[in-house]
């Protein structure tokens, strides 16, 4: 690296926010979560993220394998509405305390 250049870390994922479960007026479907990906405003923008992996990273109180960090993995399945929100299915349902929390939208698998 040439002298005087500033090293910036590269983020290999897009940021997202958990909005909640898909639901009707009275029924909630806990197996599908709604995620707003940062910078996505239209369903056309959301098409790029379909099939991408999503990671909900959180800290627990008990140490397992030397770490308190846990991850619940999921996949973006389809878009939802006209504002760029997407639906994601996780391996185990997200806990309600994750509403409003951030998720990592990985940029793989690539479909381009």
PDB file of N, CA and C in Angstrom:
ATOM      1  N   UNK A   1       0.849  -1.172   0.000  1.00  0.00           N
ATOM      2  CA  UNK A   1       0.000   0.000   0.000  1.00  0.00           C
ATOM      3  C   UNK A   1       0.897   1.238   0.000  1.00  0.00           C
ATOM      4  N   UNK A   2       0.676   2.201  -0.918  1.00  0.00           N
ATOM      5  CA  UNK A   2       1.519   3.399  -0.970  1.00  0.00           C
ATOM      6  C   UNK A   2       1.395   4.219   0.317  1.00  0.00           C
ATOM      7  N   UNK A   3       2.474   4.920   0.624  1.00  0.00           N
ATOM      8  CA  UNK A   3       2.473   5.742   1.827  1.00  0.00           C
ATOM      9  C   UNK A   3       1.460   6.865   1.695  1.00  0.00           C
ATOM     10  N   UNK A   4       0.754   7.153   2.781  1.00  0.00           N
ATOM     11  CA  UNK A   4      -0.220   8.241   2.777  1.00  0.00           C
ATOM     12  C   UNK A   4      -1.636   7.820   2.433  1.00  0.00           C
ATOM     13  N   UNK A   5      -1.844   6.565   1.986  1.00  0.00           N
ATOM     14  CA  UNK A   5      -3.202   6.123   1.684  1.00  0.00           C
ATOM     15  C   UNK A   5      -3.844   5.594   2.957  1.00  0.00           C
ATOM     16  N   UNK A   6      -5.113   5.812   3.080  1.00  0.00           N
ATOM     17  CA  UNK A   6      -5.859   5.388   4.254  1.00  0.00           C
ATOM     18  C   UNK A   6      -6.533   4.064   3.939  1.00  0.00           C
ATOM     19  N   UNK A   7      -6.328   3.088   4.804  1.00  0.00           N
ATOM     20  CA  UNK A   7      -6.940   1.772   4.623  1.00  0.00           C
ATOM     21  C   UNK A   7      -8.372   1.801   5.143  1.00  0.00           C
ATOM     22  N   UNK A   8      -9.334   1.551   4.259  1.00  0.00           N
ATOM     23  CA  UNK A   8     -10.735   1.485   4.662  1.00  0.00           C
ATOM     24  C   UNK A   8     -11.181   0.029   4.645  1.00  0.00           C
ATOM     25  N   UNK A   9     -11.826  -0.436   5.696  1.00  0.00           N
ATOM     26  CA  UNK A   9     -12.323  -1.813   5.679  1.00  0.00           C
ATOM     27  C   UNK A   9     -13.472  -1.963   4.678  1.00  0.00           C
ATOM     28  N   UNK A  10     -13.563  -3.132   4.084  1.00  0.00           N
ATOM     29  CA  UNK A  10     -14.608  -3.405   3.098  1.00  0.00           C
ATOM     30  C   UNK A  10     -15.662  -4.294   3.727  1.00  0.00           C
ATOM     31  N   UNK A  11     -16.908  -3.881   3.610  1.00  0.00           N
ATOM     32  CA  UNK A  11     -18.012  -4.649   4.149  1.00  0.00           C
ATOM     33  C   UNK A  11     -18.546  -5.534   3.030  1.00  0.00           C
ATOM     34  N   UNK A  12     -18.599  -6.835   3.279  1.00  0.00           N
ATOM     35  CA  UNK A  12     -19.021  -7.775   2.239  1.00  0.00           C
ATOM     36  C   UNK A  12     -20.480  -8.166   2.377  1.00  0.00           C
ATOM     37  N   UNK A  13     -21.266  -7.300   3.015  1.00  0.00           N
ATOM     38  CA  UNK A  13     -22.687  -7.554   3.156  1.00  0.00           C
ATOM     39  C   UNK A  13     -23.422  -6.225   3.148  1.00  0.00           C
ATOM     40  N   UNK A  14     -24.720  -6.294   2.855  1.00  0.00           N
ATOM     41  CA  UNK A  14     -25.578  -5.109   2.912  1.00  0.00           C
ATOM     42  C   UNK A  14     -26.303  -5.125   4.251  1.00  0.00           C
ATOM     43  N   UNK A  15     -26.572  -3.960   4.780  1.00  0.00           N
ATOM     44  CA  UNK A  15     -27.284  -3.879   6.050  1.00  0.00           C
ATOM     45  C   UNK A  15     -28.780  -3.965   5.808  1.00  0.00           C
ATOM     46  N   UNK A  16     -29.474  -4.581   6.742  1.00  0.00           N
ATOM     47  CA  UNK A  16     -30.923  -4.686   6.677  1.00  0.00           C
ATOM     48  C   UNK A  16     -31.514  -4.535   8.058  1.00  0.00           C
ATOM     49  N   UNK A  17     -32.820  -4.382   8.116  1.00  0.00           N
ATOM     50  CA  UNK A  17     -33.513  -4.187   9.381  1.00  0.00           C
ATOM     51  C   UNK A  17     -34.728  -5.106   9.402  1.00  0.00           C
ATOM     52  N   UNK A  18     -34.921  -5.829  10.521  1.00  0.00           N
ATOM     53  CA  UNK A  18     -36.082  -6.720  10.673  1.00  0.00           C
ATOM     54  C   UNK A  18     -37.297  -5.858  11.027  1.00  0.00           C
ATOM     55  N   UNK A  19     -38.357  -5.982  10.245  1.00  0.00           N
ATOM     56  CA  UNK A  19     -39.565  -5.207  10.495  1.00  0.00           C
ATOM     57  C   UNK A  19     -40.592  -5.983  11.312  1.00  0.00           C
ATOM     58  N   UNK A  20     -40.594  -7.292  11.188  1.00  0.00           N
ATOM     59  CA  UNK A  20     -41.565  -8.114  11.909  1.00  0.00           C
ATOM     60  C   UNK A  20     -41.896  -9.346  11.097  1.00  0.00           C
ATOM     61  N   UNK A  21     -42.934 -10.040  11.515  1.00  0.00           N
ATOM     62  CA  UNK A  21     -43.410 -11.208  10.787  1.00  0.00           C
ATOM     63  C   UNK A  21     -44.439 -10.773   9.747  1.00  0.00           C
ATOM     64  N   UNK A  22     -44.639 -11.625   8.724  1.00  0.00           N
ATOM     65  CA  UNK A  22     -45.770 -11.381   7.846  1.00  0.00           C
ATOM     66  C   UNK A  22     -47.028 -11.683   8.638  1.00  0.00           C
ATOM     67  N   UNK A  23     -48.060 -10.910   8.411  1.00  0.00           N
ATOM     68  CA  UNK A  23     -49.255 -11.072   9.225  1.00  0.00           C
ATOM     69  C   UNK A  23     -50.476 -10.529   8.515  1.00  0.00           C
ATOM     70  N   UNK A  24     -51.627 -10.953   9.016  1.00  0.00           N
ATOM     71  CA  UNK A  24     -52.901 -10.390   8.621  1.00  0.00           C
ATOM     72  C   UNK A  24     -53.361  -9.528   9.793  1.00  0.00           C
ATOM     73  N   UNK A  25     -54.627  -9.248   9.854  1.00  0.00           N
ATOM     74  CA  UNK A  25     -55.105  -8.404  10.944  1.00  0.00           C
ATOM     75  C   UNK A  25     -54.946  -9.097  12.294  1.00  0.00           C
ATOM     76  N   UNK A  26     -55.275 -10.383  12.347  1.00  0.00           N
ATOM     77  CA  UNK A  26     -55.218 -11.100  13.617  1.00  0.00           C
ATOM     78  C   UNK A  26     -54.197 -12.235  13.647  1.00  0.00           C
ATOM     79  N   UNK A  27     -53.848 -12.780  12.489  1.00  0.00           N
ATOM     80  CA  UNK A  27     -52.944 -13.929  12.443  1.00  0.00           C
ATOM     81  C   UNK A  27     -51.530 -13.492  12.089  1.00  0.00           C
ATOM     82  N   UNK A  28     -50.550 -14.048  12.781  1.00  0.00           N
ATOM     83  CA  UNK A  28     -49.162 -13.818  12.405  1.00  0.00           C
ATOM     84  C   UNK A  28     -48.569 -15.118  11.888  1.00  0.00           C
ATOM     85  N   UNK A  29     -47.694 -14.997  10.910  1.00  0.00           N
ATOM     86  CA  UNK A  29     -46.996 -16.149  10.347  1.00  0.00           C
ATOM     87  C   UNK A  29     -45.530 -16.011  10.737  1.00  0.00           C
ATOM     88  N   UNK A  30     -45.129 -16.695  11.799  1.00  0.00           N
ATOM     89  CA  UNK A  30     -43.805 -16.516  12.368  1.00  0.00           C
ATOM     90  C   UNK A  30     -42.694 -17.104  11.514  1.00  0.00           C
ATOM     91  N   UNK A  31     -43.061 -17.958  10.526  1.00  0.00           N
ATOM     92  CA  UNK A  31     -42.011 -18.586   9.733  1.00  0.00           C
ATOM     93  C   UNK A  31     -41.482 -17.683   8.622  1.00  0.00           C
ATOM     94  N   UNK A  32     -42.070 -16.514   8.413  1.00  0.00           N
ATOM     95  CA  UNK A  32     -41.596 -15.583   7.401  1.00  0.00           C
ATOM     96  C   UNK A  32     -41.442 -14.204   8.031  1.00  0.00           C
ATOM     97  N   UNK A  33     -40.272 -13.603   7.863  1.00  0.00           N
ATOM     98  CA  UNK A  33     -39.997 -12.288   8.431  1.00  0.00           C
ATOM     99  C   UNK A  33     -39.873 -11.256   7.325  1.00  0.00           C
ATOM    100  N   UNK A  34     -40.188 -10.011   7.647  1.00  0.00           N
ATOM    101  CA  UNK A  34     -40.054  -8.912   6.707  1.00  0.00           C
ATOM    102  C   UNK A  34     -38.750  -8.176   7.002  1.00  0.00           C
ATOM    103  N   UNK A  35     -37.971  -7.919   5.953  1.00  0.00           N
ATOM    104  CA  UNK A  35     -36.672  -7.269   6.100  1.00  0.00           C
ATOM    105  C   UNK A  35     -36.602  -6.091   5.137  1.00  0.00           C
ATOM    106  N   UNK A  36     -36.180  -4.936   5.653  1.00  0.00           N
ATOM    107  CA  UNK A  36     -35.933  -3.759   4.814  1.00  0.00           C
ATOM    108  C   UNK A  36     -34.429  -3.664   4.591  1.00  0.00           C
ATOM    109  N   UNK A  37     -33.996  -3.816   3.337  1.00  0.00           N
ATOM    110  CA  UNK A  37     -32.574  -3.744   3.002  1.00  0.00           C
ATOM    111  C   UNK A  37     -32.221  -2.282   2.748  1.00  0.00           C
ATOM    112  N   UNK A  38     -31.092  -1.854   3.292  1.00  0.00           N
ATOM    113  CA  UNK A  38     -30.662  -0.469   3.176  1.00  0.00           C
ATOM    114  C   UNK A  38     -30.429  -0.108   1.706  1.00  0.00           C
ATOM    115  N   UNK A  39     -31.037   0.990   1.264  1.00  0.00           N
ATOM    116  CA  UNK A  39     -30.855   1.466  -0.105  1.00  0.00           C
ATOM    117  C   UNK A  39     -31.812   0.872  -1.117  1.00  0.00           C
ATOM    118  N   UNK A  40     -32.721  -0.008  -0.691  1.00  0.00           N
ATOM    119  CA  UNK A  40     -33.680  -0.636  -1.601  1.00  0.00           C
ATOM    120  C   UNK A  40     -35.025   0.064  -1.424  1.00  0.00           C
ATOM    121  N   UNK A  41     -35.532   0.682  -2.495  1.00  0.00           N
ATOM    122  CA  UNK A  41     -36.767   1.457  -2.415  1.00  0.00           C
ATOM    123  C   UNK A  41     -37.895   0.906  -3.286  1.00  0.00           C
ATOM    124  N   UNK A  42     -37.584   0.070  -4.260  1.00  0.00           N
ATOM    125  CA  UNK A  42     -38.599  -0.425  -5.192  1.00  0.00           C
ATOM    126  C   UNK A  42     -38.499  -1.949  -5.311  1.00  0.00           C
ATOM    127  N   UNK A  43     -39.564  -2.586  -5.771  1.00  0.00           N
ATOM    128  CA  UNK A  43     -39.499  -4.042  -5.998  1.00  0.00           C
ATOM    129  C   UNK A  43     -38.453  -4.423  -7.045  1.00  0.00           C
ATOM    130  N   UNK A  44     -38.177  -3.521  -7.994  1.00  0.00           N
ATOM    131  CA  UNK A  44     -37.159  -3.801  -9.010  1.00  0.00           C
ATOM    132  C   UNK A  44     -35.764  -3.858  -8.366  1.00  0.00           C
ATOM    133  N   UNK A  45     -35.519  -2.958  -7.403  1.00  0.00           N
ATOM    134  CA  UNK A  45     -34.246  -3.005  -6.682  1.00  0.00           C
ATOM    135  C   UNK A  45     -34.145  -4.285  -5.855  1.00  0.00           C
ATOM    136  N   UNK A  46     -35.264  -4.730  -5.305  1.00  0.00           N
ATOM    137  CA  UNK A  46     -35.264  -5.914  -4.442  1.00  0.00           C
ATOM    138  C   UNK A  46     -34.981  -7.185  -5.228  1.00  0.00           C
ATOM    139  N   UNK A  47     -35.199  -7.195  -6.535  1.00  0.00           N
ATOM    140  CA  UNK A  47     -34.963  -8.396  -7.342  1.00  0.00           C
ATOM    141  C   UNK A  47     -33.523  -8.878  -7.219  1.00  0.00           C
ATOM    142  N   UNK A  48     -32.575  -7.948  -7.066  1.00  0.00           N
ATOM    143  CA  UNK A  48     -31.165  -8.327  -6.958  1.00  0.00           C
ATOM    144  C   UNK A  48     -30.913  -9.200  -5.730  1.00  0.00           C
ATOM    145  N   UNK A  49     -31.652  -8.979  -4.647  1.00  0.00           N
ATOM    146  CA  UNK A  49     -31.393  -9.651  -3.382  1.00  0.00           C
ATOM    147  C   UNK A  49     -32.126 -10.978  -3.231  1.00  0.00           C
ATOM    148  N   UNK A  50     -32.984 -11.350  -4.173  1.00  0.00           N
ATOM    149  CA  UNK A  50     -33.724 -12.603  -4.045  1.00  0.00           C
ATOM    150  C   UNK A  50     -32.764 -13.789  -4.082  1.00  0.00           C
ATOM    151  N   UNK A  51     -32.893 -14.688  -3.119  1.00  0.00           N
ATOM    152  CA  UNK A  51     -32.019 -15.849  -3.016  1.00  0.00           C
ATOM    153  C   UNK A  51     -30.776 -15.615  -2.182  1.00  0.00           C
ATOM    154  N   UNK A  52     -30.526 -14.377  -1.774  1.00  0.00           N
ATOM    155  CA  UNK A  52     -29.330 -14.079  -0.987  1.00  0.00           C
ATOM    156  C   UNK A  52     -29.509 -14.572   0.453  1.00  0.00           C
ATOM    157  N   UNK A  53     -28.399 -14.857   1.119  1.00  0.00           N
ATOM    158  CA  UNK A  53     -28.401 -15.330   2.496  1.00  0.00           C
ATOM    159  C   UNK A  53     -28.480 -14.157   3.460  1.00  0.00           C
ATOM    160  N   UNK A  54     -29.192 -14.364   4.560  1.00  0.00           N
ATOM    161  CA  UNK A  54     -29.367 -13.337   5.584  1.00  0.00           C
ATOM    162  C   UNK A  54     -28.883 -13.919   6.905  1.00  0.00           C
ATOM    163  N   UNK A  55     -28.176 -13.101   7.692  1.00  0.00           N
ATOM    164  CA  UNK A  55     -27.678 -13.542   8.993  1.00  0.00           C
ATOM    165  C   UNK A  55     -28.160 -12.585  10.067  1.00  0.00           C
ATOM    166  N   UNK A  56     -28.862 -13.129  11.079  1.00  0.00           N
ATOM    167  CA  UNK A  56     -29.231 -12.357  12.258  1.00  0.00           C
ATOM    168  C   UNK A  56     -28.213 -12.708  13.335  1.00  0.00           C
ATOM    169  N   UNK A  57     -27.337 -11.758  13.655  1.00  0.00           N
ATOM    170  CA  UNK A  57     -26.250 -11.978  14.602  1.00  0.00           C
ATOM    171  C   UNK A  57     -26.630 -11.340  15.930  1.00  0.00           C
ATOM    172  N   UNK A  58     -26.506 -12.113  17.016  1.00  0.00           N
ATOM    173  CA  UNK A  58     -26.855 -11.589  18.334  1.00  0.00           C
ATOM    174  C   UNK A  58     -25.918 -12.185  19.376  1.00  0.00           C
ATOM    175  N   UNK A  59     -25.916 -11.594  20.560  1.00  0.00           N
ATOM    176  CA  UNK A  59     -25.086 -12.085  21.652  1.00  0.00           C
ATOM    177  C   UNK A  59     -25.970 -12.719  22.711  1.00  0.00           C
ATOM    178  N   UNK A  60     -25.533 -13.868  23.211  1.00  0.00           N
ATOM    179  CA  UNK A  60     -26.233 -14.566  24.280  1.00  0.00           C
ATOM    180  C   UNK A  60     -25.392 -14.459  25.549  1.00  0.00           C
ATOM    181  N   UNK A  61     -25.961 -14.874  26.661  1.00  0.00           N
ATOM    182  CA  UNK A  61     -25.252 -14.736  27.921  1.00  0.00           C
ATOM    183  C   UNK A  61     -24.303 -15.903  28.197  1.00  0.00           C
ATOM    184  N   UNK A  62     -24.572 -17.069  27.626  1.00  0.00           N
ATOM    185  CA  UNK A  62     -23.775 -18.257  27.919  1.00  0.00           C
ATOM    186  C   UNK A  62     -22.741 -18.494  26.828  1.00  0.00           C
ATOM    187  N   UNK A  63     -21.545 -18.865  27.220  1.00  0.00           N
ATOM    188  CA  UNK A  63     -20.466 -19.125  26.270  1.00  0.00           C
ATOM    189  C   UNK A  63     -20.591 -20.542  25.730  1.00  0.00           C
ATOM    190  N   UNK A  64     -20.574 -20.675  24.409  1.00  0.00           N
ATOM    191  CA  UNK A  64     -20.548 -21.981  23.749  1.00  0.00           C
ATOM    192  C   UNK A  64     -19.419 -21.939  22.726  1.00  0.00           C
ATOM    193  N   UNK A  65     -18.520 -22.920  22.781  1.00  0.00           N
ATOM    194  CA  UNK A  65     -17.341 -22.987  21.909  1.00  0.00           C
ATOM    195  C   UNK A  65     -16.518 -21.708  21.979  1.00  0.00           C
ATOM    196  N   UNK A  66     -16.425 -21.124  23.161  1.00  0.00           N
ATOM    197  CA  UNK A  66     -15.579 -19.959  23.365  1.00  0.00           C
ATOM    198  C   UNK A  66     -16.136 -18.645  22.878  1.00  0.00           C
ATOM    199  N   UNK A  67     -17.438 -18.583  22.567  1.00  0.00           N
ATOM    200  CA  UNK A  67     -18.012 -17.350  22.039  1.00  0.00           C
ATOM    201  C   UNK A  67     -19.444 -17.178  22.538  1.00  0.00           C
ATOM    202  N   UNK A  68     -19.820 -15.922  22.767  1.00  0.00           N
ATOM    203  CA  UNK A  68     -21.202 -15.613  23.129  1.00  0.00           C
ATOM    204  C   UNK A  68     -22.028 -15.216  21.911  1.00  0.00           C
ATOM    205  N   UNK A  69     -21.392 -15.143  20.756  1.00  0.00           N
ATOM    206  CA  UNK A  69     -22.064 -14.695  19.542  1.00  0.00           C
ATOM    207  C   UNK A  69     -22.791 -15.867  18.895  1.00  0.00           C
ATOM    208  N   UNK A  70     -24.033 -15.642  18.503  1.00  0.00           N
ATOM    209  CA  UNK A  70     -24.845 -16.647  17.818  1.00  0.00           C
ATOM    210  C   UNK A  70     -25.358 -16.064  16.505  1.00  0.00           C
ATOM    211  N   UNK A  71     -25.710 -16.945  15.583  1.00  0.00           N
ATOM    212  CA  UNK A  71     -26.215 -16.524  14.281  1.00  0.00           C
ATOM    213  C   UNK A  71     -27.405 -17.396  13.906  1.00  0.00           C
ATOM    214  N   UNK A  72     -28.454 -16.771  13.396  1.00  0.00           N
ATOM    215  CA  UNK A  72     -29.567 -17.501  12.781  1.00  0.00           C
ATOM    216  C   UNK A  72     -29.529 -17.159  11.296  1.00  0.00           C
ATOM    217  N   UNK A  73     -29.377 -18.180  10.460  1.00  0.00           N
ATOM    218  CA  UNK A  73     -29.256 -17.979   9.018  1.00  0.00           C
ATOM    219  C   UNK A  73     -30.615 -18.089   8.342  1.00  0.00           C
ATOM    220  N   UNK A  74     -30.777 -17.345   7.260  1.00  0.00           N
ATOM    221  CA  UNK A  74     -32.005 -17.391   6.485  1.00  0.00           C
ATOM    222  C   UNK A  74     -31.735 -17.076   5.036  1.00  0.00           C
ATOM    223  N   UNK A  75     -32.812 -17.011   4.260  1.00  0.00           N
ATOM    224  CA  UNK A  75     -32.712 -16.732   2.825  1.00  0.00           C
ATOM    225  C   UNK A  75     -33.835 -15.795   2.423  1.00  0.00           C
ATOM    226  N   UNK A  76     -33.533 -14.832   1.561  1.00  0.00           N
ATOM    227  CA  UNK A  76     -34.559 -13.929   1.031  1.00  0.00           C
ATOM    228  C   UNK A  76     -35.331 -14.681  -0.038  1.00  0.00           C
ATOM    229  N   UNK A  77     -36.659 -14.721   0.123  1.00  0.00           N
ATOM    230  CA  UNK A  77     -37.472 -15.546  -0.768  1.00  0.00           C
ATOM    231  C   UNK A  77     -38.177 -14.747  -1.853  1.00  0.00           C
ATOM    232  N   UNK A  78     -38.729 -13.577  -1.508  1.00  0.00           N
ATOM    233  CA  UNK A  78     -39.461 -12.789  -2.495  1.00  0.00           C
ATOM    234  C   UNK A  78     -39.628 -11.378  -1.975  1.00  0.00           C
ATOM    235  N   UNK A  79     -40.104 -10.490  -2.852  1.00  0.00           N
ATOM    236  CA  UNK A  79     -40.343  -9.115  -2.413  1.00  0.00           C
ATOM    237  C   UNK A  79     -41.716  -9.023  -1.760  1.00  0.00           C
ATOM    238  N   UNK A  80     -41.965  -7.900  -1.084  1.00  0.00           N
ATOM    239  CA  UNK A  80     -43.199  -7.728  -0.334  1.00  0.00           C
ATOM    240  C   UNK A  80     -43.632  -6.277  -0.489  1.00  0.00           C
ATOM    241  N   UNK A  81     -44.706  -6.056  -1.205  1.00  0.00           N
ATOM    242  CA  UNK A  81     -45.214  -4.699  -1.364  1.00  0.00           C
ATOM    243  C   UNK A  81     -44.439  -3.910  -2.402  1.00  0.00           C
ATOM    244  N   UNK A  82     -44.616  -2.587  -2.378  1.00  0.00           N
ATOM    245  CA  UNK A  82     -44.026  -1.723  -3.409  1.00  0.00           C
ATOM    246  C   UNK A  82     -42.939  -0.808  -2.859  1.00  0.00           C
ATOM    247  N   UNK A  83     -42.484  -1.039  -1.626  1.00  0.00           N
ATOM    248  CA  UNK A  83     -41.486  -0.160  -1.018  1.00  0.00           C
ATOM    249  C   UNK A  83     -40.114  -0.797  -0.900  1.00  0.00           C
ATOM    250  N   UNK A  84     -39.901  -1.926  -1.542  1.00  0.00           N
ATOM    251  CA  UNK A  84     -38.595  -2.562  -1.496  1.00  0.00           C
ATOM    252  C   UNK A  84     -38.383  -3.485  -0.315  1.00  0.00           C
ATOM    253  N   UNK A  85     -39.430  -3.762   0.464  1.00  0.00           N
ATOM    254  CA  UNK A  85     -39.316  -4.712   1.570  1.00  0.00           C
ATOM    255  C   UNK A  85     -39.283  -6.123   0.987  1.00  0.00           C
ATOM    256  N   UNK A  86     -38.512  -7.024   1.622  1.00  0.00           N
ATOM    257  CA  UNK A  86     -38.427  -8.405   1.152  1.00  0.00           C
ATOM    258  C   UNK A  86     -38.855  -9.351   2.265  1.00  0.00           C
ATOM    259  N   UNK A  87     -39.247 -10.560   1.878  1.00  0.00           N
ATOM    260  CA  UNK A  87     -39.586 -11.611   2.836  1.00  0.00           C
ATOM    261  C   UNK A  87     -38.388 -12.548   2.964  1.00  0.00           C
ATOM    262  N   UNK A  88     -38.152 -12.990   4.182  1.00  0.00           N
ATOM    263  CA  UNK A  88     -37.042 -13.913   4.420  1.00  0.00           C
ATOM    264  C   UNK A  88     -37.506 -15.038   5.319  1.00  0.00           C
ATOM    265  N   UNK A  89     -37.015 -16.249   5.022  1.00  0.00           N
ATOM    266  CA  UNK A  89     -37.294 -17.411   5.866  1.00  0.00           C
ATOM    267  C   UNK A  89     -35.999 -17.808   6.542  1.00  0.00           C
ATOM    268  N   UNK A  90     -36.066 -17.969   7.860  1.00  0.00           N
ATOM    269  CA  UNK A  90     -34.896 -18.340   8.638  1.00  0.00           C
ATOM    270  C   UNK A  90     -34.995 -19.799   9.057  1.00  0.00           C
ATOM    271  N   UNK A  91     -33.842 -20.420   9.351  1.00  0.00           N
ATOM    272  CA  UNK A  91     -33.818 -21.836   9.723  1.00  0.00           C
ATOM    273  C   UNK A  91     -34.645 -22.101  10.960  1.00  0.00           C
ATOM    274  N   UNK A  92     -34.519 -21.237  11.956  1.00  0.00           N
ATOM    275  CA  UNK A  92     -35.444 -21.262  13.074  1.00  0.00           C
ATOM    276  C   UNK A  92     -36.068 -19.877  13.142  1.00  0.00           C
ATOM    277  N   UNK A  93     -37.317 -19.811  13.552  1.00  0.00           N
ATOM    278  CA  UNK A  93     -38.021 -18.534  13.541  1.00  0.00           C
ATOM    279  C   UNK A  93     -37.290 -17.499  14.387  1.00  0.00           C
ATOM    280  N   UNK A  94     -37.290 -16.256  13.915  1.00  0.00           N
ATOM    281  CA  UNK A  94     -36.639 -15.190  14.669  1.00  0.00           C
ATOM    282  C   UNK A  94     -37.413 -14.904  15.947  1.00  0.00           C
ATOM    283  N   UNK A  95     -36.727 -14.562  17.026  1.00  0.00           N
ATOM    284  CA  UNK A  95     -37.433 -14.183  18.248  1.00  0.00           C
ATOM    285  C   UNK A  95     -38.010 -12.777  18.097  1.00  0.00           C
ATOM    286  N   UNK A  96     -39.101 -12.463  18.780  1.00  0.00           N
ATOM    287  CA  UNK A  96     -39.695 -11.128  18.660  1.00  0.00           C
ATOM    288  C   UNK A  96     -38.764 -10.003  19.115  1.00  0.00           C
ATOM    289  N   UNK A  97     -37.758 -10.301  19.941  1.00  0.00           N
ATOM    290  CA  UNK A  97     -36.833  -9.239  20.337  1.00  0.00           C
ATOM    291  C   UNK A  97     -35.965  -8.785  19.168  1.00  0.00           C
ATOM    292  N   UNK A  98     -35.994  -9.509  18.051  1.00  0.00           N
ATOM    293  CA  UNK A  98     -35.217  -9.113  16.882  1.00  0.00           C
ATOM    294  C   UNK A  98     -35.895  -8.021  16.068  1.00  0.00           C
ATOM    295  N   UNK A  99     -37.149  -7.692  16.364  1.00  0.00           N
ATOM    296  CA  UNK A  99     -37.848  -6.665  15.593  1.00  0.00           C
ATOM    297  C   UNK A  99     -37.126  -5.336  15.769  1.00  0.00           C
ATOM    298  N   UNK A 100     -36.768  -4.719  14.666  1.00  0.00           N
ATOM    299  CA  UNK A 100     -36.019  -3.473  14.713  1.00  0.00           C
ATOM    300  C   UNK A 100     -34.524  -3.678  14.732  1.00  0.00           C
ATOM    301  N   UNK A 101     -34.063  -4.924  14.921  1.00  0.00           N
ATOM    302  CA  UNK A 101     -32.628  -5.196  14.959  1.00  0.00           C
ATOM    303  C   UNK A 101     -32.071  -5.262  13.536  1.00  0.00           C
ATOM    304  N   UNK A 102     -30.765  -5.151  13.427  1.00  0.00           N
ATOM    305  CA  UNK A 102     -30.135  -5.192  12.117  1.00  0.00           C
ATOM    306  C   UNK A 102     -29.775  -6.629  11.747  1.00  0.00           C
ATOM    307  N   UNK A 103     -29.784  -6.886  10.452  1.00  0.00           N
ATOM    308  CA  UNK A 103     -29.359  -8.168   9.907  1.00  0.00           C
ATOM    309  C   UNK A 103     -28.323  -7.905   8.823  1.00  0.00           C
ATOM    310  N   UNK A 104     -27.556  -8.923   8.508  1.00  0.00           N
ATOM    311  CA  UNK A 104     -26.567  -8.836   7.440  1.00  0.00           C
ATOM    312  C   UNK A 104     -27.107  -9.573   6.219  1.00  0.00           C
ATOM    313  N   UNK A 105     -27.222  -8.871   5.101  1.00  0.00           N
ATOM    314  CA  UNK A 105     -27.656  -9.491   3.848  1.00  0.00           C
ATOM    315  C   UNK A 105     -26.394  -9.766   3.043  1.00  0.00           C
ATOM    316  N   UNK A 106     -25.986 -11.033   3.002  1.00  0.00           N
ATOM    317  CA  UNK A 106     -24.764 -11.411   2.310  1.00  0.00           C
ATOM    318  C   UNK A 106     -24.963 -11.291   0.802  1.00  0.00           C
ATOM    319  N   UNK A 107     -23.902 -11.004   0.100  1.00  0.00           N
ATOM    320  CA  UNK A 107     -23.988 -10.794  -1.346  1.00  0.00           C
ATOM    321  C   UNK A 107     -23.727 -12.088  -2.112  1.00  0.00           C
ATOM    322  N   UNK A 108     -24.028 -13.216  -1.502  1.00  0.00           N
ATOM    323  CA  UNK A 108     -23.946 -14.502  -2.166  1.00  0.00           C
ATOM    324  C   UNK A 108     -25.166 -15.307  -1.809  1.00  0.00           C
ATOM    325  N   UNK A 109     -25.595 -16.277  -2.570  1.00  0.00           N
ATOM    326  CA  UNK A 109     -25.023 -16.680  -3.850  1.00  0.00           C
ATOM    327  C   UNK A 109     -25.339 -15.658  -4.937  1.00  0.00           C
ATOM    328  N   UNK A 110     -24.391 -15.477  -5.844  1.00  0.00           N
ATOM    329  CA  UNK A 110     -24.543 -14.483  -6.900  1.00  0.00           C
ATOM    330  C   UNK A 110     -25.360 -15.059  -8.041  1.00  0.00           C
ATOM    331  N   UNK A 111     -26.228 -14.258  -8.611  1.00  0.00           N
ATOM    332  CA  UNK A 111     -27.003 -14.706  -9.785  1.00  0.00           C
ATOM    333  C   UNK A 111     -26.703 -13.847 -10.996  1.00  0.00           C
ATOM    334  N   UNK A 112     -25.537 -13.194 -11.000  1.00  0.00           N
ATOM    335  CA  UNK A 112     -25.125 -12.441 -12.196  1.00  0.00           C
ATOM    336  C   UNK A 112     -23.854 -13.019 -12.764  1.00  0.00           C
TER     337      UNK A 112
END
